[in-house]
Amino acid sequence: MARGLTGIVFAAVLIAGAGAALAQTPAAHDETPQQNVKASQQYQQLLCSNPKFRQTRIDKECGPLQGSQFYDSCVASFNCDKQPSDANWRQAPPSETIK
């Protein structure tokens, strides 16, 4: 009995140690801010040009919200008609600027 319990404790220690080591290891895919922006643009382009991809993303991200007050807002967030332009997406709307 003690031998079996020792094996279980040893396995648990090994698993916990491996998890801690993985948490300290840098991600395999660290990207620069520029790479992140490019990837976001590519995702947005795919989302807006491929209806099947768009519907799959809506189902995955909004599906759990069906029947809640948040579902319609979630689906609306996938609207491709009103995307911010590259030139001014970081600027506050005129109503929010301080004069």
PDB file of N, CA and C in Angstrom:
ATOM      1  N   MET A   1       0.823  -1.184   0.000  1.00  0.00           N
ATOM      2  CA  MET A   1       0.000   0.000   0.000  1.00  0.00           C
ATOM      3  C   MET A   1       0.873   1.255   0.000  1.00  0.00           C
ATOM      4  N   ALA A   2       1.897   1.290   0.857  1.00  0.00           N
ATOM      5  CA  ALA A   2       2.772   2.457   0.944  1.00  0.00           C
ATOM      6  C   ALA A   2       3.526   2.658  -0.360  1.00  0.00           C
ATOM      7  N   ARG A   3       3.898   1.545  -0.996  1.00  0.00           N
ATOM      8  CA  ARG A   3       4.632   1.638  -2.259  1.00  0.00           C
ATOM      9  C   ARG A   3       3.768   2.289  -3.342  1.00  0.00           C
ATOM     10  N   GLY A   4       2.487   1.938  -3.427  1.00  0.00           N
ATOM     11  CA  GLY A   4       1.572   2.520  -4.399  1.00  0.00           C
ATOM     12  C   GLY A   4       1.349   3.998  -4.139  1.00  0.00           C
ATOM     13  N   LEU A   5       1.203   4.351  -2.866  1.00  0.00           N
ATOM     14  CA  LEU A   5       1.006   5.755  -2.497  1.00  0.00           C
ATOM     15  C   LEU A   5       2.255   6.570  -2.815  1.00  0.00           C
ATOM     16  N   THR A   6       3.424   6.010  -2.584  1.00  0.00           N
ATOM     17  CA  THR A   6       4.671   6.699  -2.902  1.00  0.00           C
ATOM     18  C   THR A   6       4.766   6.964  -4.403  1.00  0.00           C
ATOM     19  N   GLY A   7       4.368   6.006  -5.211  1.00  0.00           N
ATOM     20  CA  GLY A   7       4.389   6.175  -6.660  1.00  0.00           C
ATOM     21  C   GLY A   7       3.451   7.278  -7.116  1.00  0.00           C
ATOM     22  N   ILE A   8       2.281   7.345  -6.516  1.00  0.00           N
ATOM     23  CA  ILE A   8       1.316   8.391  -6.872  1.00  0.00           C
ATOM     24  C   ILE A   8       1.854   9.768  -6.483  1.00  0.00           C
ATOM     25  N   VAL A   9       2.409   9.874  -5.300  1.00  0.00           N
ATOM     26  CA  VAL A   9       2.964  11.155  -4.852  1.00  0.00           C
ATOM     27  C   VAL A   9       4.124  11.562  -5.762  1.00  0.00           C
ATOM     28  N   PHE A  10       4.981  10.624  -6.115  1.00  0.00           N
ATOM     29  CA  PHE A  10       6.118  10.920  -6.992  1.00  0.00           C
ATOM     30  C   PHE A  10       5.630  11.410  -8.358  1.00  0.00           C
ATOM     31  N   ALA A  11       4.601  10.749  -8.905  1.00  0.00           N
ATOM     32  CA  ALA A  11       4.052  11.164 -10.195  1.00  0.00           C
ATOM     33  C   ALA A  11       3.460  12.567 -10.103  1.00  0.00           C
ATOM     34  N   ALA A  12       2.773  12.855  -9.013  1.00  0.00           N
ATOM     35  CA  ALA A  12       2.177  14.185  -8.841  1.00  0.00           C
ATOM     36  C   ALA A  12       3.257  15.264  -8.765  1.00  0.00           C
ATOM     37  N   VAL A  13       4.352  14.974  -8.083  1.00  0.00           N
ATOM     38  CA  VAL A  13       5.462  15.930  -7.989  1.00  0.00           C
ATOM     39  C   VAL A  13       6.080  16.162  -9.364  1.00  0.00           C
ATOM     40  N   LEU A  14       6.253  15.109 -10.148  1.00  0.00           N
ATOM     41  CA  LEU A  14       6.809  15.252 -11.491  1.00  0.00           C
ATOM     42  C   LEU A  14       5.905  16.106 -12.375  1.00  0.00           C
ATOM     43  N   ILE A  15       4.610  15.869 -12.319  1.00  0.00           N
ATOM     44  CA  ILE A  15       3.659  16.634 -13.136  1.00  0.00           C
ATOM     45  C   ILE A  15       3.654  18.093 -12.718  1.00  0.00           C
ATOM     46  N   ALA A  16       3.644  18.352 -11.408  1.00  0.00           N
ATOM     47  CA  ALA A  16       3.650  19.736 -10.923  1.00  0.00           C
ATOM     48  C   ALA A  16       4.929  20.447 -11.339  1.00  0.00           C
ATOM     49  N   GLY A  17       6.055  19.754 -11.264  1.00  0.00           N
ATOM     50  CA  GLY A  17       7.330  20.347 -11.677  1.00  0.00           C
ATOM     51  C   GLY A  17       7.365  20.648 -13.159  1.00  0.00           C
ATOM     52  N   ALA A  18       6.807  19.776 -13.969  1.00  0.00           N
ATOM     53  CA  ALA A  18       6.774  20.004 -15.415  1.00  0.00           C
ATOM     54  C   ALA A  18       5.902  21.201 -15.740  1.00  0.00           C
ATOM     55  N   GLY A  19       4.780  21.345 -15.056  1.00  0.00           N
ATOM     56  CA  GLY A  19       3.899  22.496 -15.282  1.00  0.00           C
ATOM     57  C   GLY A  19       4.587  23.797 -14.932  1.00  0.00           C
ATOM     58  N   ALA A  20       5.327  23.817 -13.831  1.00  0.00           N
ATOM     59  CA  ALA A  20       6.044  25.031 -13.439  1.00  0.00           C
ATOM     60  C   ALA A  20       7.131  25.371 -14.450  1.00  0.00           C
ATOM     61  N   ALA A  21       7.807  24.366 -14.956  1.00  0.00           N
ATOM     62  CA  ALA A  21       8.855  24.609 -15.956  1.00  0.00           C
ATOM     63  C   ALA A  21       8.258  25.164 -17.239  1.00  0.00           C
ATOM     64  N   LEU A  22       7.124  24.642 -17.659  1.00  0.00           N
ATOM     65  CA  LEU A  22       6.481  25.143 -18.872  1.00  0.00           C
ATOM     66  C   LEU A  22       6.009  26.580 -18.700  1.00  0.00           C
ATOM     67  N   ALA A  23       5.541  26.919 -17.520  1.00  0.00           N
ATOM     68  CA  ALA A  23       5.060  28.276 -17.276  1.00  0.00           C
ATOM     69  C   ALA A  23       6.193  29.292 -17.360  1.00  0.00           C
ATOM     70  N   GLN A  24       7.417  28.861 -17.079  1.00  0.00           N
ATOM     71  CA  GLN A  24       8.548  29.779 -17.109  1.00  0.00           C
ATOM     72  C   GLN A  24       9.223  29.830 -18.472  1.00  0.00           C
ATOM     73  N   THR A  25       8.887  28.906 -19.356  1.00  0.00           N
ATOM     74  CA  THR A  25       9.480  28.860 -20.685  1.00  0.00           C
ATOM     75  C   THR A  25       8.805  29.891 -21.573  1.00  0.00           C
ATOM     76  N   PRO A  26       9.581  30.704 -22.328  1.00  0.00           N
ATOM     77  CA  PRO A  26       8.937  31.664 -23.224  1.00  0.00           C
ATOM     78  C   PRO A  26       8.091  30.943 -24.271  1.00  0.00           C
ATOM     79  N   ALA A  27       7.051  31.590 -24.700  1.00  0.00           N
ATOM     80  CA  ALA A  27       6.160  31.007 -25.699  1.00  0.00           C
ATOM     81  C   ALA A  27       6.937  30.697 -26.971  1.00  0.00           C
ATOM     82  N   ALA A  28       6.539  29.635 -27.626  1.00  0.00           N
ATOM     83  CA  ALA A  28       7.225  29.224 -28.849  1.00  0.00           C
ATOM     84  C   ALA A  28       7.003  30.227 -29.968  1.00  0.00           C
ATOM     85  N   HIS A  29       5.915  30.998 -29.877  1.00  0.00           N
ATOM     86  CA  HIS A  29       5.587  31.920 -30.958  1.00  0.00           C
ATOM     87  C   HIS A  29       5.446  33.343 -30.402  1.00  0.00           C
ATOM     88  N   ASP A  30       6.550  33.917 -29.970  1.00  0.00           N
ATOM     89  CA  ASP A  30       6.523  35.317 -29.553  1.00  0.00           C
ATOM     90  C   ASP A  30       6.543  36.166 -30.808  1.00  0.00           C
ATOM     91  N   GLU A  31       5.641  37.134 -30.887  1.00  0.00           N
ATOM     92  CA  GLU A  31       5.606  37.974 -32.068  1.00  0.00           C
ATOM     93  C   GLU A  31       5.755  39.435 -31.686  1.00  0.00           C
ATOM     94  N   THR A  32       6.304  40.184 -32.613  1.00  0.00           N
ATOM     95  CA  THR A  32       6.481  41.616 -32.399  1.00  0.00           C
ATOM     96  C   THR A  32       5.124  42.310 -32.565  1.00  0.00           C
ATOM     97  N   PRO A  33       5.005  43.536 -32.087  1.00  0.00           N
ATOM     98  CA  PRO A  33       3.753  44.268 -32.311  1.00  0.00           C
ATOM     99  C   PRO A  33       3.399  44.385 -33.794  1.00  0.00           C
ATOM    100  N   GLN A  34       4.388  44.575 -34.634  1.00  0.00           N
ATOM    101  CA  GLN A  34       4.134  44.684 -36.069  1.00  0.00           C
ATOM    102  C   GLN A  34       3.590  43.366 -36.628  1.00  0.00           C
ATOM    103  N   GLN A  35       4.141  42.253 -36.171  1.00  0.00           N
ATOM    104  CA  GLN A  35       3.659  40.952 -36.615  1.00  0.00           C
ATOM    105  C   GLN A  35       2.228  40.717 -36.128  1.00  0.00           C
ATOM    106  N   ASN A  36       1.942  41.172 -34.912  1.00  0.00           N
ATOM    107  CA  ASN A  36       0.599  41.040 -34.367  1.00  0.00           C
ATOM    108  C   ASN A  36      -0.405  41.839 -35.185  1.00  0.00           C
ATOM    109  N   VAL A  37      -0.046  43.061 -35.563  1.00  0.00           N
ATOM    110  CA  VAL A  37      -0.929  43.902 -36.377  1.00  0.00           C
ATOM    111  C   VAL A  37      -1.184  43.236 -37.723  1.00  0.00           C
ATOM    112  N   LYS A  38      -0.128  42.707 -38.332  1.00  0.00           N
ATOM    113  CA  LYS A  38      -0.270  42.046 -39.633  1.00  0.00           C
ATOM    114  C   LYS A  38      -1.173  40.822 -39.518  1.00  0.00           C
ATOM    115  N   ALA A  39      -0.987  40.029 -38.474  1.00  0.00           N
ATOM    116  CA  ALA A  39      -1.823  38.848 -38.274  1.00  0.00           C
ATOM    117  C   ALA A  39      -3.281  39.249 -38.043  1.00  0.00           C
ATOM    118  N   SER A  40      -3.503  40.334 -37.308  1.00  0.00           N
ATOM    119  CA  SER A  40      -4.865  40.819 -37.073  1.00  0.00           C
ATOM    120  C   SER A  40      -5.519  41.277 -38.368  1.00  0.00           C
ATOM    121  N   GLN A  41      -4.754  41.943 -39.196  1.00  0.00           N
ATOM    122  CA  GLN A  41      -5.281  42.394 -40.487  1.00  0.00           C
ATOM    123  C   GLN A  41      -5.632  41.205 -41.377  1.00  0.00           C
ATOM    124  N   GLN A  42      -4.780  40.188 -41.368  1.00  0.00           N
ATOM    125  CA  GLN A  42      -5.043  38.991 -42.169  1.00  0.00           C
ATOM    126  C   GLN A  42      -6.288  38.268 -41.666  1.00  0.00           C
ATOM    127  N   TYR A  43      -6.443  38.190 -40.344  1.00  0.00           N
ATOM    128  CA  TYR A  43      -7.632  37.564 -39.756  1.00  0.00           C
ATOM    129  C   TYR A  43      -8.885  38.335 -40.167  1.00  0.00           C
ATOM    130  N   GLN A  44      -8.832  39.660 -40.061  1.00  0.00           N
ATOM    131  CA  GLN A  44      -9.982  40.495 -40.412  1.00  0.00           C
ATOM    132  C   GLN A  44     -10.341  40.345 -41.887  1.00  0.00           C
ATOM    133  N   GLN A  45      -9.329  40.279 -42.746  1.00  0.00           N
ATOM    134  CA  GLN A  45      -9.566  40.127 -44.176  1.00  0.00           C
ATOM    135  C   GLN A  45     -10.234  38.776 -44.448  1.00  0.00           C
ATOM    136  N   LEU A  46      -9.748  37.728 -43.803  1.00  0.00           N
ATOM    137  CA  LEU A  46     -10.335  36.403 -43.972  1.00  0.00           C
ATOM    138  C   LEU A  46     -11.763  36.375 -43.426  1.00  0.00           C
ATOM    139  N   LEU A  47     -11.956  36.986 -42.290  1.00  0.00           N
ATOM    140  CA  LEU A  47     -13.275  37.038 -41.666  1.00  0.00           C
ATOM    141  C   LEU A  47     -14.301  37.702 -42.585  1.00  0.00           C
ATOM    142  N   CYS A  48     -13.874  38.762 -43.269  1.00  0.00           N
ATOM    143  CA  CYS A  48     -14.792  39.538 -44.106  1.00  0.00           C
ATOM    144  C   CYS A  48     -14.896  39.023 -45.538  1.00  0.00           C
ATOM    145  N   SER A  49     -13.995  38.156 -45.950  1.00  0.00           N
ATOM    146  CA  SER A  49     -14.035  37.667 -47.332  1.00  0.00           C
ATOM    147  C   SER A  49     -14.518  36.219 -47.439  1.00  0.00           C
ATOM    148  N   ASN A  50     -14.612  35.531 -46.319  1.00  0.00           N
ATOM    149  CA  ASN A  50     -14.991  34.128 -46.340  1.00  0.00           C
ATOM    150  C   ASN A  50     -16.190  33.914 -45.408  1.00  0.00           C
ATOM    151  N   PRO A  51     -17.403  33.871 -45.974  1.00  0.00           N
ATOM    152  CA  PRO A  51     -18.607  33.745 -45.143  1.00  0.00           C
ATOM    153  C   PRO A  51     -18.620  32.488 -44.262  1.00  0.00           C
ATOM    154  N   LYS A  52     -18.078  31.393 -44.757  1.00  0.00           N
ATOM    155  CA  LYS A  52     -18.056  30.162 -43.961  1.00  0.00           C
ATOM    156  C   LYS A  52     -17.142  30.327 -42.742  1.00  0.00           C
ATOM    157  N   PHE A  53     -15.966  30.939 -42.936  1.00  0.00           N
ATOM    158  CA  PHE A  53     -15.048  31.192 -41.829  1.00  0.00           C
ATOM    159  C   PHE A  53     -15.710  32.122 -40.811  1.00  0.00           C
ATOM    160  N   ARG A  54     -16.367  33.180 -41.321  1.00  0.00           N
ATOM    161  CA  ARG A  54     -17.037  34.139 -40.441  1.00  0.00           C
ATOM    162  C   ARG A  54     -18.106  33.434 -39.607  1.00  0.00           C
ATOM    163  N   GLN A  55     -18.921  32.602 -40.236  1.00  0.00           N
ATOM    164  CA  GLN A  55     -19.983  31.909 -39.505  1.00  0.00           C
ATOM    165  C   GLN A  55     -19.406  30.946 -38.479  1.00  0.00           C
ATOM    166  N   THR A  56     -18.310  30.282 -38.824  1.00  0.00           N
ATOM    167  CA  THR A  56     -17.661  29.368 -37.884  1.00  0.00           C
ATOM    168  C   THR A  56     -17.181  30.124 -36.652  1.00  0.00           C
ATOM    169  N   ARG A  57     -16.590  31.299 -36.870  1.00  0.00           N
ATOM    170  CA  ARG A  57     -16.114  32.107 -35.737  1.00  0.00           C
ATOM    171  C   ARG A  57     -17.274  32.615 -34.887  1.00  0.00           C
ATOM    172  N   ILE A  58     -18.358  33.035 -35.531  1.00  0.00           N
ATOM    173  CA  ILE A  58     -19.544  33.483 -34.791  1.00  0.00           C
ATOM    174  C   ILE A  58     -20.089  32.336 -33.944  1.00  0.00           C
ATOM    175  N   ASP A  59     -20.199  31.161 -34.553  1.00  0.00           N
ATOM    176  CA  ASP A  59     -20.708  29.999 -33.813  1.00  0.00           C
ATOM    177  C   ASP A  59     -19.828  29.684 -32.609  1.00  0.00           C
ATOM    178  N   LYS A  60     -18.522  29.741 -32.819  1.00  0.00           N
ATOM    179  CA  LYS A  60     -17.593  29.387 -31.747  1.00  0.00           C
ATOM    180  C   LYS A  60     -17.587  30.430 -30.627  1.00  0.00           C
ATOM    181  N   GLU A  61     -17.559  31.700 -30.994  1.00  0.00           N
ATOM    182  CA  GLU A  61     -17.418  32.756 -29.994  1.00  0.00           C
ATOM    183  C   GLU A  61     -18.748  33.222 -29.411  1.00  0.00           C
ATOM    184  N   CYS A  62     -19.805  33.196 -30.204  1.00  0.00           N
ATOM    185  CA  CYS A  62     -21.093  33.705 -29.736  1.00  0.00           C
ATOM    186  C   CYS A  62     -22.064  32.597 -29.346  1.00  0.00           C
ATOM    187  N   GLY A  63     -21.828  31.400 -29.841  1.00  0.00           N
ATOM    188  CA  GLY A  63     -22.737  30.288 -29.572  1.00  0.00           C
ATOM    189  C   GLY A  63     -23.081  30.111 -28.110  1.00  0.00           C
ATOM    190  N   PRO A  64     -22.081  30.125 -27.213  1.00  0.00           N
ATOM    191  CA  PRO A  64     -22.406  29.949 -25.794  1.00  0.00           C
ATOM    192  C   PRO A  64     -23.283  31.071 -25.222  1.00  0.00           C
ATOM    193  N   LEU A  65     -23.369  32.182 -25.922  1.00  0.00           N
ATOM    194  CA  LEU A  65     -24.152  33.318 -25.437  1.00  0.00           C
ATOM    195  C   LEU A  65     -25.599  33.293 -25.933  1.00  0.00           C
ATOM    196  N   GLN A  66     -25.935  32.339 -26.794  1.00  0.00           N
ATOM    197  CA  GLN A  66     -27.282  32.286 -27.355  1.00  0.00           C
ATOM    198  C   GLN A  66     -28.311  32.268 -26.236  1.00  0.00           C
ATOM    199  N   GLY A  67     -29.340  33.084 -26.411  1.00  0.00           N
ATOM    200  CA  GLY A  67     -30.385  33.172 -25.416  1.00  0.00           C
ATOM    201  C   GLY A  67     -30.103  34.209 -24.344  1.00  0.00           C
ATOM    202  N   SER A  68     -28.915  34.803 -24.381  1.00  0.00           N
ATOM    203  CA  SER A  68     -28.598  35.825 -23.387  1.00  0.00           C
ATOM    204  C   SER A  68     -28.683  37.206 -24.021  1.00  0.00           C
ATOM    205  N   GLN A  69     -28.599  38.217 -23.185  1.00  0.00           N
ATOM    206  CA  GLN A  69     -28.655  39.597 -23.670  1.00  0.00           C
ATOM    207  C   GLN A  69     -27.405  39.988 -24.449  1.00  0.00           C
ATOM    208  N   PHE A  70     -26.368  39.187 -24.395  1.00  0.00           N
ATOM    209  CA  PHE A  70     -25.105  39.527 -25.030  1.00  0.00           C
ATOM    210  C   PHE A  70     -24.951  38.956 -26.439  1.00  0.00           C
ATOM    211  N   TYR A  71     -25.806  38.033 -26.823  1.00  0.00           N
ATOM    212  CA  TYR A  71     -25.652  37.335 -28.103  1.00  0.00           C
ATOM    213  C   TYR A  71     -25.670  38.296 -29.298  1.00  0.00           C
ATOM    214  N   ASP A  72     -26.658  39.167 -29.375  1.00  0.00           N
ATOM    215  CA  ASP A  72     -26.764  40.074 -30.525  1.00  0.00           C
ATOM    216  C   ASP A  72     -25.548  40.990 -30.635  1.00  0.00           C
ATOM    217  N   SER A  73     -25.043  41.458 -29.504  1.00  0.00           N
ATOM    218  CA  SER A  73     -23.844  42.311 -29.525  1.00  0.00           C
ATOM    219  C   SER A  73     -22.630  41.535 -30.010  1.00  0.00           C
ATOM    220  N   CYS A  74     -22.552  40.281 -29.606  1.00  0.00           N
ATOM    221  CA  CYS A  74     -21.431  39.444 -30.040  1.00  0.00           C
ATOM    222  C   CYS A  74     -21.465  39.261 -31.551  1.00  0.00           C
ATOM    223  N   VAL A  75     -22.622  38.918 -32.087  1.00  0.00           N
ATOM    224  CA  VAL A  75     -22.750  38.727 -33.534  1.00  0.00           C
ATOM    225  C   VAL A  75     -22.455  40.037 -34.259  1.00  0.00           C
ATOM    226  N   ALA A  76     -22.932  41.159 -33.726  1.00  0.00           N
ATOM    227  CA  ALA A  76     -22.686  42.465 -34.347  1.00  0.00           C
ATOM    228  C   ALA A  76     -21.202  42.806 -34.380  1.00  0.00           C
ATOM    229  N   SER A  77     -20.430  42.268 -33.455  1.00  0.00           N
ATOM    230  CA  SER A  77     -18.990  42.562 -33.437  1.00  0.00           C
ATOM    231  C   SER A  77     -18.272  41.952 -34.644  1.00  0.00           C
ATOM    232  N   PHE A  78     -18.941  41.059 -35.366  1.00  0.00           N
ATOM    233  CA  PHE A  78     -18.371  40.462 -36.568  1.00  0.00           C
ATOM    234  C   PHE A  78     -18.814  41.195 -37.830  1.00  0.00           C
ATOM    235  N   ASN A  79     -19.454  42.332 -37.688  1.00  0.00           N
ATOM    236  CA  ASN A  79     -19.924  43.127 -38.818  1.00  0.00           C
ATOM    237  C   ASN A  79     -18.727  43.680 -39.586  1.00  0.00           C
ATOM    238  N   CYS A  80     -18.647  43.376 -40.852  1.00  0.00           N
ATOM    239  CA  CYS A  80     -17.518  43.818 -41.680  1.00  0.00           C
ATOM    240  C   CYS A  80     -17.804  45.119 -42.413  1.00  0.00           C
ATOM    241  N   ASP A  81     -19.027  45.613 -42.340  1.00  0.00           N
ATOM    242  CA  ASP A  81     -19.372  46.841 -43.057  1.00  0.00           C
ATOM    243  C   ASP A  81     -18.738  48.086 -42.459  1.00  0.00           C
ATOM    244  N   LYS A  82     -18.525  48.094 -41.164  1.00  0.00           N
ATOM    245  CA  LYS A  82     -18.026  49.303 -40.502  1.00  0.00           C
ATOM    246  C   LYS A  82     -16.718  49.025 -39.776  1.00  0.00           C
ATOM    247  N   GLN A  83     -15.691  48.737 -40.527  1.00  0.00           N
ATOM    248  CA  GLN A  83     -14.381  48.503 -39.932  1.00  0.00           C
ATOM    249  C   GLN A  83     -13.617  49.814 -39.834  1.00  0.00           C
ATOM    250  N   PRO A  84     -12.842  50.008 -38.767  1.00  0.00           N
ATOM    251  CA  PRO A  84     -12.068  51.244 -38.651  1.00  0.00           C
ATOM    252  C   PRO A  84     -11.018  51.336 -39.744  1.00  0.00           C
ATOM    253  N   SER A  85     -10.806  52.540 -40.227  1.00  0.00           N
ATOM    254  CA  SER A  85      -9.771  52.714 -41.248  1.00  0.00           C
ATOM    255  C   SER A  85      -8.403  52.711 -40.582  1.00  0.00           C
ATOM    256  N   ASP A  86      -7.377  52.362 -41.338  1.00  0.00           N
ATOM    257  CA  ASP A  86      -6.022  52.335 -40.790  1.00  0.00           C
ATOM    258  C   ASP A  86      -5.588  53.709 -40.310  1.00  0.00           C
ATOM    259  N   ALA A  87      -6.079  54.747 -40.961  1.00  0.00           N
ATOM    260  CA  ALA A  87      -5.608  56.103 -40.672  1.00  0.00           C
ATOM    261  C   ALA A  87      -6.077  56.618 -39.320  1.00  0.00           C
ATOM    262  N   ASN A  88      -7.289  56.273 -38.892  1.00  0.00           N
ATOM    263  CA  ASN A  88      -7.794  56.917 -37.689  1.00  0.00           C
ATOM    264  C   ASN A  88      -8.353  55.974 -36.636  1.00  0.00           C
ATOM    265  N   TRP A  89      -8.070  54.710 -36.668  1.00  0.00           N
ATOM    266  CA  TRP A  89      -8.682  53.792 -35.719  1.00  0.00           C
ATOM    267  C   TRP A  89      -8.228  54.032 -34.293  1.00  0.00           C
ATOM    268  N   ARG A  90      -7.087  54.671 -34.087  1.00  0.00           N
ATOM    269  CA  ARG A  90      -6.611  54.935 -32.728  1.00  0.00           C
ATOM    270  C   ARG A  90      -7.080  56.283 -32.191  1.00  0.00           C
ATOM    271  N   GLN A  91      -7.678  57.099 -33.017  1.00  0.00           N
ATOM    272  CA  GLN A  91      -8.107  58.418 -32.585  1.00  0.00           C
ATOM    273  C   GLN A  91      -9.486  58.334 -31.920  1.00  0.00           C
ATOM    274  N   ALA A  92      -9.666  59.148 -30.882  1.00  0.00           N
ATOM    275  CA  ALA A  92     -10.969  59.208 -30.225  1.00  0.00           C
ATOM    276  C   ALA A  92     -11.954  59.919 -31.138  1.00  0.00           C
ATOM    277  N   PRO A  93     -13.235  59.577 -31.034  1.00  0.00           N
ATOM    278  CA  PRO A  93     -14.227  60.284 -31.812  1.00  0.00           C
ATOM    279  C   PRO A  93     -14.247  61.765 -31.425  1.00  0.00           C
ATOM    280  N   PRO A  94     -14.652  62.654 -32.328  1.00  0.00           N
ATOM    281  CA  PRO A  94     -14.646  64.091 -32.028  1.00  0.00           C
ATOM    282  C   PRO A  94     -15.383  64.439 -30.746  1.00  0.00           C
ATOM    283  N   SER A  95     -16.435  63.717 -30.426  1.00  0.00           N
ATOM    284  CA  SER A  95     -17.197  64.013 -29.214  1.00  0.00           C
ATOM    285  C   SER A  95     -16.426  63.713 -27.943  1.00  0.00           C
ATOM    286  N   GLU A  96     -15.342  62.941 -28.047  1.00  0.00           N
ATOM    287  CA  GLU A  96     -14.586  62.558 -26.862  1.00  0.00           C
ATOM    288  C   GLU A  96     -13.238  63.273 -26.747  1.00  0.00           C
ATOM    289  N   THR A  97     -12.944  64.159 -27.642  1.00  0.00           N
ATOM    290  CA  THR A  97     -11.669  64.859 -27.564  1.00  0.00           C
ATOM    291  C   THR A  97     -11.807  66.089 -26.677  1.00  0.00           C
ATOM    292  N   ILE A  98     -10.760  66.409 -25.985  1.00  0.00           N
ATOM    293  CA  ILE A  98     -10.747  67.554 -25.080  1.00  0.00           C
ATOM    294  C   ILE A  98     -10.328  68.786 -25.852  1.00  0.00           C
ATOM    295  N   LYS A  99     -11.049  69.884 -25.668  1.00  0.00           N
ATOM    296  CA  LYS A  99     -10.729  71.119 -26.382  1.00  0.00           C
ATOM    297  C   LYS A  99     -10.218  72.164 -25.442  1.00  0.00           C
TER     298      LYS A  99
END
